[in-house]
PDB file of N, CA and C in Angstrom:
ATOM      1  N   MET A   1      10.084 -10.790   0.791  1.00  0.00           N
ATOM      2  CA  MET A   1       8.954 -10.132   0.217  1.00  0.00           C
ATOM      3  C   MET A   1       9.336  -8.658  -0.287  1.00  0.00           C
ATOM      4  N   LEU A   2       9.030  -8.335  -1.414  1.00  0.00           N
ATOM      5  CA  LEU A   2       9.298  -6.896  -1.866  1.00  0.00           C
ATOM      6  C   LEU A   2       7.998  -6.100  -2.005  1.00  0.00           C
ATOM      7  N   ILE A   3       7.926  -4.986  -1.284  1.00  0.00           N
ATOM      8  CA  ILE A   3       6.772  -4.232  -1.309  1.00  0.00           C
ATOM      9  C   ILE A   3       6.951  -2.885  -1.965  1.00  0.00           C
ATOM     10  N   ARG A   4       6.245  -2.594  -3.178  1.00  0.00           N
ATOM     11  CA  ARG A   4       6.351  -1.345  -3.804  1.00  0.00           C
ATOM     12  C   ARG A   4       5.183  -0.525  -3.667  1.00  0.00           C
ATOM     13  N   VAL A   5       5.336   0.838  -3.368  1.00  0.00           N
ATOM     14  CA  VAL A   5       4.197   1.828  -3.290  1.00  0.00           C
ATOM     15  C   VAL A   5       4.433   2.900  -4.196  1.00  0.00           C
ATOM     16  N   ARG A   6       3.379   3.263  -4.944  1.00  0.00           N
ATOM     17  CA  ARG A   6       3.435   4.343  -5.901  1.00  0.00           C
ATOM     18  C   ARG A   6       2.233   5.217  -5.605  1.00  0.00           C
ATOM     19  N   ARG A   7       2.486   6.492  -5.245  1.00  0.00           N
ATOM     20  CA  ARG A   7       1.466   7.413  -4.970  1.00  0.00           C
ATOM     21  C   ARG A   7       1.502   8.524  -6.207  1.00  0.00           C
ATOM     22  N   THR A   8       0.438   8.756  -6.702  1.00  0.00           N
ATOM     23  CA  THR A   8       0.254   9.814  -7.699  1.00  0.00           C
ATOM     24  C   THR A   8      -0.879  10.692  -7.441  1.00  0.00           C
ATOM     25  N   GLY A   9      -0.890  11.855  -7.982  1.00  0.00           N
ATOM     26  CA  GLY A   9      -1.928  12.780  -7.986  1.00  0.00           C
ATOM     27  C   GLY A   9      -1.637  13.988  -6.908  1.00  0.00           C
ATOM     28  N   GLY A  10      -2.693  14.263  -6.236  1.00  0.00           N
ATOM     29  CA  GLY A  10      -2.554  15.386  -5.212  1.00  0.00           C
ATOM     30  C   GLY A  10      -2.602  16.781  -5.982  1.00  0.00           C
ATOM     31  N   PHE A  11      -2.511  17.907  -5.249  1.00  0.00           N
ATOM     32  CA  PHE A  11      -2.773  19.117  -5.757  1.00  0.00           C
ATOM     33  C   PHE A  11      -1.560  19.408  -6.801  1.00  0.00           C
ATOM     34  N   ALA A  12      -0.417  19.198  -6.532  1.00  0.00           N
ATOM     35  CA  ALA A  12       0.704  19.376  -7.283  1.00  0.00           C
ATOM     36  C   ALA A  12       1.013  18.334  -8.314  1.00  0.00           C
ATOM     37  N   GLY A  13       0.242  17.271  -8.275  1.00  0.00           N
ATOM     38  CA  GLY A  13       0.477  16.174  -9.288  1.00  0.00           C
ATOM     39  C   GLY A  13       1.804  15.393  -9.145  1.00  0.00           C
ATOM     40  N   ILE A  14       2.504  15.383  -7.941  1.00  0.00           N
ATOM     41  CA  ILE A  14       3.808  14.923  -7.793  1.00  0.00           C
ATOM     42  C   ILE A  14       3.735  13.424  -7.593  1.00  0.00           C
ATOM     43  N   GLU A  15       4.510  12.615  -8.287  1.00  0.00           N
ATOM     44  CA  GLU A  15       4.488  11.087  -8.110  1.00  0.00           C
ATOM     45  C   GLU A  15       5.660  10.716  -7.079  1.00  0.00           C
ATOM     46  N   ARG A  16       5.305   9.860  -6.197  1.00  0.00           N
ATOM     47  CA  ARG A  16       6.349   9.323  -5.237  1.00  0.00           C
ATOM     48  C   ARG A  16       6.152   7.776  -5.195  1.00  0.00           C
ATOM     49  N   SER A  17       7.359   7.199  -5.204  1.00  0.00           N
ATOM     50  CA  SER A  17       7.403   5.711  -5.253  1.00  0.00           C
ATOM     51  C   SER A  17       8.619   5.337  -4.425  1.00  0.00           C
ATOM     52  N   ALA A  18       8.450   4.065  -3.803  1.00  0.00           N
ATOM     53  CA  ALA A  18       9.527   3.568  -2.936  1.00  0.00           C
ATOM     54  C   ALA A  18       9.316   1.982  -2.903  1.00  0.00           C
ATOM     55  N   GLU A  19      10.289   1.310  -2.485  1.00  0.00           N
ATOM     56  CA  GLU A  19      10.097  -0.106  -2.215  1.00  0.00           C
ATOM     57  C   GLU A  19      10.894  -0.636  -1.084  1.00  0.00           C
ATOM     58  N   VAL A  20      10.458  -1.585  -0.434  1.00  0.00           N
ATOM     59  CA  VAL A  20      11.126  -2.204   0.649  1.00  0.00           C
ATOM     60  C   VAL A  20      11.312  -3.657   0.502  1.00  0.00           C
ATOM     61  N   ASP A  21      12.451  -4.211   0.763  1.00  0.00           N
ATOM     62  CA  ASP A  21      12.591  -5.736   0.799  1.00  0.00           C
ATOM     63  C   ASP A  21      12.578  -6.088   2.171  1.00  0.00           C
ATOM     64  N   THR A  22      11.588  -6.947   2.579  1.00  0.00           N
ATOM     65  CA  THR A  22      11.454  -7.253   4.033  1.00  0.00           C
ATOM     66  C   THR A  22      12.543  -8.239   4.607  1.00  0.00           C
ATOM     67  N   ALA A  23      13.267  -8.917   3.650  1.00  0.00           N
ATOM     68  CA  ALA A  23      14.347  -9.826   4.032  1.00  0.00           C
ATOM     69  C   ALA A  23      15.322  -9.298   5.097  1.00  0.00           C
ATOM     70  N   GLY A  24      15.444 -10.024   6.217  1.00  0.00           N
ATOM     71  CA  GLY A  24      16.340  -9.629   7.218  1.00  0.00           C
ATOM     72  C   GLY A  24      16.051  -8.497   7.998  1.00  0.00           C
ATOM     73  N   ARG A  25      14.780  -7.848   7.916  1.00  0.00           N
ATOM     74  CA  ARG A  25      14.336  -6.676   8.608  1.00  0.00           C
ATOM     75  C   ARG A  25      13.863  -7.033   9.845  1.00  0.00           C
ATOM     76  N   ALA A  26      13.977  -6.290  10.817  1.00  0.00           N
ATOM     77  CA  ALA A  26      13.484  -6.530  12.266  1.00  0.00           C
ATOM     78  C   ALA A  26      11.976  -6.332  12.351  1.00  0.00           C
ATOM     79  N   ASP A  27      11.498  -5.552  11.348  1.00  0.00           N
ATOM     80  CA  ASP A  27       9.983  -5.364  11.310  1.00  0.00           C
ATOM     81  C   ASP A  27       9.270  -6.186  10.135  1.00  0.00           C
ATOM     82  N   ALA A  28       9.981  -7.263   9.749  1.00  0.00           N
ATOM     83  CA  ALA A  28       9.469  -7.985   8.625  1.00  0.00           C
ATOM     84  C   ALA A  28       8.046  -8.572   8.856  1.00  0.00           C
ATOM     85  N   ALA A  29       7.818  -9.106  10.003  1.00  0.00           N
ATOM     86  CA  ALA A  29       6.542  -9.729  10.386  1.00  0.00           C
ATOM     87  C   ALA A  29       5.524  -8.671  10.231  1.00  0.00           C
ATOM     88  N   GLU A  30       5.686  -7.497  10.819  1.00  0.00           N
ATOM     89  CA  GLU A  30       4.687  -6.456  10.813  1.00  0.00           C
ATOM     90  C   GLU A  30       4.294  -6.067   9.359  1.00  0.00           C
ATOM     91  N   LEU A  31       5.360  -5.845   8.554  1.00  0.00           N
ATOM     92  CA  LEU A  31       5.299  -5.575   7.149  1.00  0.00           C
ATOM     93  C   LEU A  31       4.390  -6.641   6.433  1.00  0.00           C
ATOM     94  N   HIS A  32       4.886  -7.774   6.691  1.00  0.00           N
ATOM     95  CA  HIS A  32       4.179  -8.959   5.987  1.00  0.00           C
ATOM     96  C   HIS A  32       2.659  -8.937   6.461  1.00  0.00           C
ATOM     97  N   ASP A  33       2.285  -8.744   7.654  1.00  0.00           N
ATOM     98  CA  ASP A  33       0.956  -8.686   8.101  1.00  0.00           C
ATOM     99  C   ASP A  33       0.128  -7.577   7.473  1.00  0.00           C
ATOM    100  N   LEU A  34       0.785  -6.405   7.352  1.00  0.00           N
ATOM    101  CA  LEU A  34       0.171  -5.302   6.714  1.00  0.00           C
ATOM    102  C   LEU A  34      -0.054  -5.656   5.139  1.00  0.00           C
ATOM    103  N   ALA A  35       0.932  -6.024   4.595  1.00  0.00           N
ATOM    104  CA  ALA A  35       0.867  -6.404   3.123  1.00  0.00           C
ATOM    105  C   ALA A  35      -0.297  -7.416   2.821  1.00  0.00           C
ATOM    106  N   GLU A  36      -0.333  -8.421   3.619  1.00  0.00           N
ATOM    107  CA  GLU A  36      -1.452  -9.421   3.451  1.00  0.00           C
ATOM    108  C   GLU A  36      -2.895  -8.821   3.764  1.00  0.00           C
ATOM    109  N   ALA A  37      -2.919  -7.986   4.728  1.00  0.00           N
ATOM    110  CA  ALA A  37      -4.182  -7.283   5.100  1.00  0.00           C
ATOM    111  C   ALA A  37      -4.456  -6.350   3.799  1.00  0.00           C
ATOM    112  N   VAL A  38      -3.750  -5.823   3.243  1.00  0.00           N
ATOM    113  CA  VAL A  38      -3.804  -4.789   2.126  1.00  0.00           C
ATOM    114  C   VAL A  38      -4.385  -5.628   0.925  1.00  0.00           C
ATOM    115  N   VAL A  39      -3.671  -6.688   0.559  1.00  0.00           N
ATOM    116  CA  VAL A  39      -4.128  -7.441  -0.687  1.00  0.00           C
ATOM    117  C   VAL A  39      -5.487  -8.180  -0.378  1.00  0.00           C
ATOM    118  N   ALA A  40      -5.850  -8.497   0.868  1.00  0.00           N
ATOM    119  CA  ALA A  40      -7.028  -9.232   1.213  1.00  0.00           C
ATOM    120  C   ALA A  40      -8.245  -8.231   1.478  1.00  0.00           C
ATOM    121  N   GLY A  41      -7.902  -6.862   1.284  1.00  0.00           N
ATOM    122  CA  GLY A  41      -8.997  -5.901   1.210  1.00  0.00           C
ATOM    123  C   GLY A  41      -9.414  -5.598   2.762  1.00  0.00           C
ATOM    124  N   LYS A  42      -8.650  -6.007   3.756  1.00  0.00           N
ATOM    125  CA  LYS A  42      -8.847  -5.803   5.067  1.00  0.00           C
ATOM    126  C   LYS A  42      -8.180  -4.652   5.644  1.00  0.00           C
ATOM    127  N   GLY A  43      -8.524  -4.093   6.721  1.00  0.00           N
ATOM    128  CA  GLY A  43      -7.753  -2.934   7.369  1.00  0.00           C
ATOM    129  C   GLY A  43      -8.594  -2.126   8.375  1.00  0.00           C
ATOM    130  N   GLY A  44      -9.880  -2.265   8.252  1.00  0.00           N
ATOM    131  CA  GLY A  44     -10.509  -1.721   9.428  1.00  0.00           C
ATOM    132  C   GLY A  44     -11.205  -0.290   9.508  1.00  0.00           C
ATOM    133  N   ASP A  45     -11.059   0.607   8.466  1.00  0.00           N
ATOM    134  CA  ASP A  45     -11.707   1.806   8.743  1.00  0.00           C
ATOM    135  C   ASP A  45     -13.129   1.935   8.316  1.00  0.00           C
ATOM    136  N   GLY A  46     -13.635   0.925   7.793  1.00  0.00           N
ATOM    137  CA  GLY A  46     -15.017   0.939   7.305  1.00  0.00           C
ATOM    138  C   GLY A  46     -15.023   1.565   5.851  1.00  0.00           C
ATOM    139  N   GLY A  47     -13.997   1.883   5.253  1.00  0.00           N
ATOM    140  CA  GLY A  47     -13.923   2.419   3.932  1.00  0.00           C
ATOM    141  C   GLY A  47     -13.955   1.346   2.953  1.00  0.00           C
ATOM    142  N   GLU A  48     -14.042   1.673   1.736  1.00  0.00           N
ATOM    143  CA  GLU A  48     -14.087   0.670   0.633  1.00  0.00           C
ATOM    144  C   GLU A  48     -12.883  -0.150   0.576  1.00  0.00           C
ATOM    145  N   GLY A  49     -11.707   0.454   0.762  1.00  0.00           N
ATOM    146  CA  GLY A  49     -10.500  -0.251   0.813  1.00  0.00           C
ATOM    147  C   GLY A  49      -9.905  -0.898  -0.452  1.00  0.00           C
ATOM    148  N   GLY A  50     -10.743  -1.127  -1.400  1.00  0.00           N
ATOM    149  CA  GLY A  50     -10.175  -1.789  -2.521  1.00  0.00           C
ATOM    150  C   GLY A  50     -10.036  -0.745  -3.719  1.00  0.00           C
ATOM    151  N   ALA A  51     -10.087  -1.196  -4.920  1.00  0.00           N
ATOM    152  CA  ALA A  51      -9.963  -0.307  -6.192  1.00  0.00           C
ATOM    153  C   ALA A  51     -11.187   0.564  -6.361  1.00  0.00           C
ATOM    154  N   GLY A  52     -12.148   0.154  -5.675  1.00  0.00           N
ATOM    155  CA  GLY A  52     -13.516   1.044  -5.903  1.00  0.00           C
ATOM    156  C   GLY A  52     -13.474   2.228  -5.096  1.00  0.00           C
ATOM    157  N   GLY A  53     -14.567   2.977  -5.201  1.00  0.00           N
ATOM    158  CA  GLY A  53     -14.635   4.229  -4.388  1.00  0.00           C
ATOM    159  C   GLY A  53     -14.159   5.335  -5.277  1.00  0.00           C
ATOM    160  N   GLN A  54     -14.955   6.342  -5.337  1.00  0.00           N
ATOM    161  CA  GLN A  54     -14.709   7.586  -6.063  1.00  0.00           C
ATOM    162  C   GLN A  54     -13.642   8.315  -5.339  1.00  0.00           C
ATOM    163  N   GLY A  55     -12.625   8.792  -6.034  1.00  0.00           N
ATOM    164  CA  GLY A  55     -11.643   9.563  -5.310  1.00  0.00           C
ATOM    165  C   GLY A  55     -12.133  11.045  -5.108  1.00  0.00           C
ATOM    166  N   VAL A  56     -11.367  11.841  -4.634  1.00  0.00           N
ATOM    167  CA  VAL A  56     -11.782  13.234  -4.321  1.00  0.00           C
ATOM    168  C   VAL A  56     -10.863  14.200  -5.172  1.00  0.00           C
ATOM    169  N   PRO A  57     -11.360  15.348  -5.559  1.00  0.00           N
ATOM    170  CA  PRO A  57     -10.475  16.243  -6.277  1.00  0.00           C
ATOM    171  C   PRO A  57      -9.170  16.550  -5.517  1.00  0.00           C
ATOM    172  N   ASP A  58      -7.967  16.517  -6.264  1.00  0.00           N
ATOM    173  CA  ASP A  58      -6.652  16.709  -5.745  1.00  0.00           C
ATOM    174  C   ASP A  58      -6.332  15.553  -4.668  1.00  0.00           C
ATOM    175  N   GLY A  59      -6.977  14.532  -4.634  1.00  0.00           N
ATOM    176  CA  GLY A  59      -6.558  13.389  -3.809  1.00  0.00           C
ATOM    177  C   GLY A  59      -5.522  12.539  -4.466  1.00  0.00           C
ATOM    178  N   PHE A  60      -4.970  11.784  -3.552  1.00  0.00           N
ATOM    179  CA  PHE A  60      -3.851  10.767  -4.123  1.00  0.00           C
ATOM    180  C   PHE A  60      -4.495   9.520  -4.527  1.00  0.00           C
ATOM    181  N   SER A  61      -3.695   8.848  -5.466  1.00  0.00           N
ATOM    182  CA  SER A  61      -4.130   7.510  -5.895  1.00  0.00           C
ATOM    183  C   SER A  61      -2.967   6.717  -5.553  1.00  0.00           C
ATOM    184  N   TYR A  62      -3.207   5.454  -5.201  1.00  0.00           N
ATOM    185  CA  TYR A  62      -2.052   4.620  -4.658  1.00  0.00           C
ATOM    186  C   TYR A  62      -2.143   3.253  -5.489  1.00  0.00           C
ATOM    187  N   GLU A  63      -0.846   2.725  -5.613  1.00  0.00           N
ATOM    188  CA  GLU A  63      -0.763   1.385  -6.164  1.00  0.00           C
ATOM    189  C   GLU A  63       0.319   0.744  -5.309  1.00  0.00           C
ATOM    190  N   ILE A  64      -0.142  -0.522  -4.796  1.00  0.00           N
ATOM    191  CA  ILE A  64       0.849  -1.229  -4.059  1.00  0.00           C
ATOM    192  C   ILE A  64       1.013  -2.539  -4.630  1.00  0.00           C
ATOM    193  N   THR A  65       2.286  -2.940  -4.931  1.00  0.00           N
ATOM    194  CA  THR A  65       2.615  -4.316  -5.445  1.00  0.00           C
ATOM    195  C   THR A  65       3.456  -4.983  -4.439  1.00  0.00           C
ATOM    196  N   ILE A  66       2.901  -6.335  -4.220  1.00  0.00           N
ATOM    197  CA  ILE A  66       3.531  -7.242  -3.326  1.00  0.00           C
ATOM    198  C   ILE A  66       4.168  -8.316  -4.226  1.00  0.00           C
ATOM    199  N   ASP A  67       5.568  -8.409  -4.119  1.00  0.00           N
ATOM    200  CA  ASP A  67       6.236  -9.545  -4.940  1.00  0.00           C
ATOM    201  C   ASP A  67       6.570 -10.655  -3.945  1.00  0.00           C
ATOM    202  N   GLY A  68       5.840 -11.710  -3.997  1.00  0.00           N
ATOM    203  CA  GLY A  68       6.007 -12.922  -3.232  1.00  0.00           C
ATOM    204  C   GLY A  68       5.318 -12.601  -1.739  1.00  0.00           C
ATOM    205  N   ASP A  69       4.714 -13.698  -1.312  1.00  0.00           N
ATOM    206  CA  ASP A  69       4.138 -13.537   0.028  1.00  0.00           C
ATOM    207  C   ASP A  69       4.418 -14.866   0.823  1.00  0.00           C
ATOM    208  N   ARG A  70       3.921 -14.998   1.939  1.00  0.00           N
ATOM    209  CA  ARG A  70       4.248 -16.079   2.756  1.00  0.00           C
ATOM    210  C   ARG A  70       3.802 -17.420   2.253  1.00  0.00           C
ATOM    211  N   ASP A  71       2.685 -17.391   1.384  1.00  0.00           N
ATOM    212  CA  ASP A  71       2.236 -18.525   0.698  1.00  0.00           C
ATOM    213  C   ASP A  71       2.889 -18.847  -0.553  1.00  0.00           C
ATOM    214  N   GLY A  72       3.924 -18.068  -0.929  1.00  0.00           N
ATOM    215  CA  GLY A  72       4.637 -18.321  -2.150  1.00  0.00           C
ATOM    216  C   GLY A  72       3.859 -17.881  -3.549  1.00  0.00           C
ATOM    217  N   ASP A  73       2.853 -17.168  -3.254  1.00  0.00           N
ATOM    218  CA  ASP A  73       2.056 -16.550  -4.490  1.00  0.00           C
ATOM    219  C   ASP A  73       3.049 -15.647  -5.211  1.00  0.00           C
ATOM    220  N   GLY A  74       2.566 -15.344  -6.466  1.00  0.00           N
ATOM    221  CA  GLY A  74       3.422 -14.346  -7.277  1.00  0.00           C
ATOM    222  C   GLY A  74       3.097 -13.022  -6.812  1.00  0.00           C
ATOM    223  N   ASN A  75       3.184 -11.901  -7.858  1.00  0.00           N
ATOM    224  CA  ASN A  75       2.923 -10.670  -7.578  1.00  0.00           C
ATOM    225  C   ASN A  75       1.401 -10.400  -7.445  1.00  0.00           C
ATOM    226  N   ARG A  76       1.098  -9.394  -6.645  1.00  0.00           N
ATOM    227  CA  ARG A  76      -0.235  -8.984  -6.401  1.00  0.00           C
ATOM    228  C   ARG A  76      -0.227  -7.414  -6.318  1.00  0.00           C
ATOM    229  N   THR A  77      -1.143  -6.761  -6.989  1.00  0.00           N
ATOM    230  CA  THR A  77      -1.274  -5.326  -6.976  1.00  0.00           C
ATOM    231  C   THR A  77      -2.588  -5.064  -6.696  1.00  0.00           C
ATOM    232  N   VAL A  78      -2.735  -4.016  -5.852  1.00  0.00           N
ATOM    233  CA  VAL A  78      -3.962  -3.350  -5.513  1.00  0.00           C
ATOM    234  C   VAL A  78      -3.906  -1.799  -5.706  1.00  0.00           C
ATOM    235  N   ARG A  79      -5.075  -1.222  -6.089  1.00  0.00           N
ATOM    236  CA  ARG A  79      -5.076   0.210  -6.311  1.00  0.00           C
ATOM    237  C   ARG A  79      -6.271   0.783  -5.458  1.00  0.00           C
ATOM    238  N   PHE A  80      -6.063   2.011  -5.098  1.00  0.00           N
ATOM    239  CA  PHE A  80      -7.113   2.693  -4.326  1.00  0.00           C
ATOM    240  C   PHE A  80      -6.906   4.200  -4.245  1.00  0.00           C
ATOM    241  N   ARG A  81      -7.884   4.980  -3.952  1.00  0.00           N
ATOM    242  CA  ARG A  81      -7.707   6.353  -3.897  1.00  0.00           C
ATOM    243  C   ARG A  81      -8.225   7.040  -2.553  1.00  0.00           C
ATOM    244  N   ASP A  82      -7.614   8.252  -2.306  1.00  0.00           N
ATOM    245  CA  ASP A  82      -8.196   8.907  -1.127  1.00  0.00           C
ATOM    246  C   ASP A  82      -9.578   9.196  -1.379  1.00  0.00           C
ATOM    247  N   PRO A  83     -10.461   9.106  -0.369  1.00  0.00           N
ATOM    248  CA  PRO A  83     -10.176   8.919   1.048  1.00  0.00           C
ATOM    249  C   PRO A  83     -10.425   7.529   1.444  1.00  0.00           C
ATOM    250  N   HIS A  84     -10.450   6.587   0.532  1.00  0.00           N
ATOM    251  CA  HIS A  84     -10.856   5.148   0.804  1.00  0.00           C
ATOM    252  C   HIS A  84      -9.806   4.280   1.175  1.00  0.00           C
ATOM    253  N   LEU A  85      -8.941   4.586   2.069  1.00  0.00           N
ATOM    254  CA  LEU A  85      -7.837   3.914   2.503  1.00  0.00           C
ATOM    255  C   LEU A  85      -8.315   3.087   3.904  1.00  0.00           C
ATOM    256  N   THR A  86      -7.895   1.934   3.959  1.00  0.00           N
ATOM    257  CA  THR A  86      -8.062   1.182   5.273  1.00  0.00           C
ATOM    258  C   THR A  86      -6.973   1.528   6.115  1.00  0.00           C
ATOM    259  N   ASP A  87      -7.036   1.104   7.316  1.00  0.00           N
ATOM    260  CA  ASP A  87      -5.961   1.368   8.406  1.00  0.00           C
ATOM    261  C   ASP A  87      -4.662   0.746   7.812  1.00  0.00           C
ATOM    262  N   ALA A  88      -4.844  -0.489   7.427  1.00  0.00           N
ATOM    263  CA  ALA A  88      -3.571  -1.267   6.925  1.00  0.00           C
ATOM    264  C   ALA A  88      -3.025  -0.621   5.646  1.00  0.00           C
ATOM    265  N   GLN A  89      -3.839  -0.115   4.767  1.00  0.00           N
ATOM    266  CA  GLN A  89      -3.247   0.459   3.634  1.00  0.00           C
ATOM    267  C   GLN A  89      -2.521   1.836   3.985  1.00  0.00           C
ATOM    268  N   ARG A  90      -3.152   2.516   4.855  1.00  0.00           N
ATOM    269  CA  ARG A  90      -2.547   3.899   5.268  1.00  0.00           C
ATOM    270  C   ARG A  90      -1.217   3.558   5.878  1.00  0.00           C
ATOM    271  N   ALA A  91      -1.145   2.609   6.885  1.00  0.00           N
ATOM    272  CA  ALA A  91       0.007   2.305   7.541  1.00  0.00           C
ATOM    273  C   ALA A  91       1.112   1.793   6.657  1.00  0.00           C
ATOM    274  N   LEU A  92       0.857   0.926   5.723  1.00  0.00           N
ATOM    275  CA  LEU A  92       1.867   0.351   4.791  1.00  0.00           C
ATOM    276  C   LEU A  92       2.377   1.482   3.878  1.00  0.00           C
ATOM    277  N   VAL A  93       1.428   2.338   3.393  1.00  0.00           N
ATOM    278  CA  VAL A  93       1.949   3.523   2.542  1.00  0.00           C
ATOM    279  C   VAL A  93       2.882   4.399   3.346  1.00  0.00           C
ATOM    280  N   ARG A  94       2.541   4.704   4.576  1.00  0.00           N
ATOM    281  CA  ARG A  94       3.570   5.450   5.508  1.00  0.00           C
ATOM    282  C   ARG A  94       4.808   4.873   5.643  1.00  0.00           C
ATOM    283  N   LYS A  95       4.800   3.638   5.953  1.00  0.00           N
ATOM    284  CA  LYS A  95       6.102   2.854   6.251  1.00  0.00           C
ATOM    285  C   LYS A  95       6.969   2.826   5.028  1.00  0.00           C
ATOM    286  N   VAL A  96       6.440   2.428   3.901  1.00  0.00           N
ATOM    287  CA  VAL A  96       7.264   2.187   2.624  1.00  0.00           C
ATOM    288  C   VAL A  96       7.742   3.542   2.234  1.00  0.00           C
ATOM    289  N   LEU A  97       6.790   4.517   2.110  1.00  0.00           N
ATOM    290  CA  LEU A  97       7.314   5.843   1.558  1.00  0.00           C
ATOM    291  C   LEU A  97       8.264   6.518   2.493  1.00  0.00           C
ATOM    292  N   ALA A  98       8.158   6.205   3.665  1.00  0.00           N
ATOM    293  CA  ALA A  98       9.132   6.842   4.644  1.00  0.00           C
ATOM    294  C   ALA A  98      10.564   6.213   4.514  1.00  0.00           C
ATOM    295  N   GLU A  99      10.517   4.892   4.100  1.00  0.00           N
ATOM    296  CA  GLU A  99      11.773   4.217   4.001  1.00  0.00           C
ATOM    297  C   GLU A  99      12.468   4.655   2.696  1.00  0.00           C
ATOM    298  N   GLY A 100      11.654   5.056   1.694  1.00  0.00           N
ATOM    299  CA  GLY A 100      12.154   5.396   0.431  1.00  0.00           C
ATOM    300  C   GLY A 100      12.528   6.854   0.321  1.00  0.00           C
ATOM    301  N   ALA A 101      12.232   7.716   1.364  1.00  0.00           N
ATOM    302  CA  ALA A 101      12.469   9.137   1.360  1.00  0.00           C
ATOM    303  C   ALA A 101      13.849   9.375   1.455  1.00  0.00           C
TER     304      ALA A 101
END
């Protein structure tokens, strides 16, 4: 599974993006679980979690693309904005952007 994260906006308007291929990784199962929760709109903070929800001034916008999943589905992309991130979205963004740094 290939997971791509793109973050845009913020006060400085700087774009960051990174991708992680989960093949052969020790934390692949954790990344798969987070990715599946993200595309399913789950994650648990009570926020809107999906593409909906009004962003905040100078907040970030996120786009996560999942290429392939456990069920063999094709690409799936979700978009969301601060402050409407679920716990799963926030965790996946942190992990992928940290890998790409």
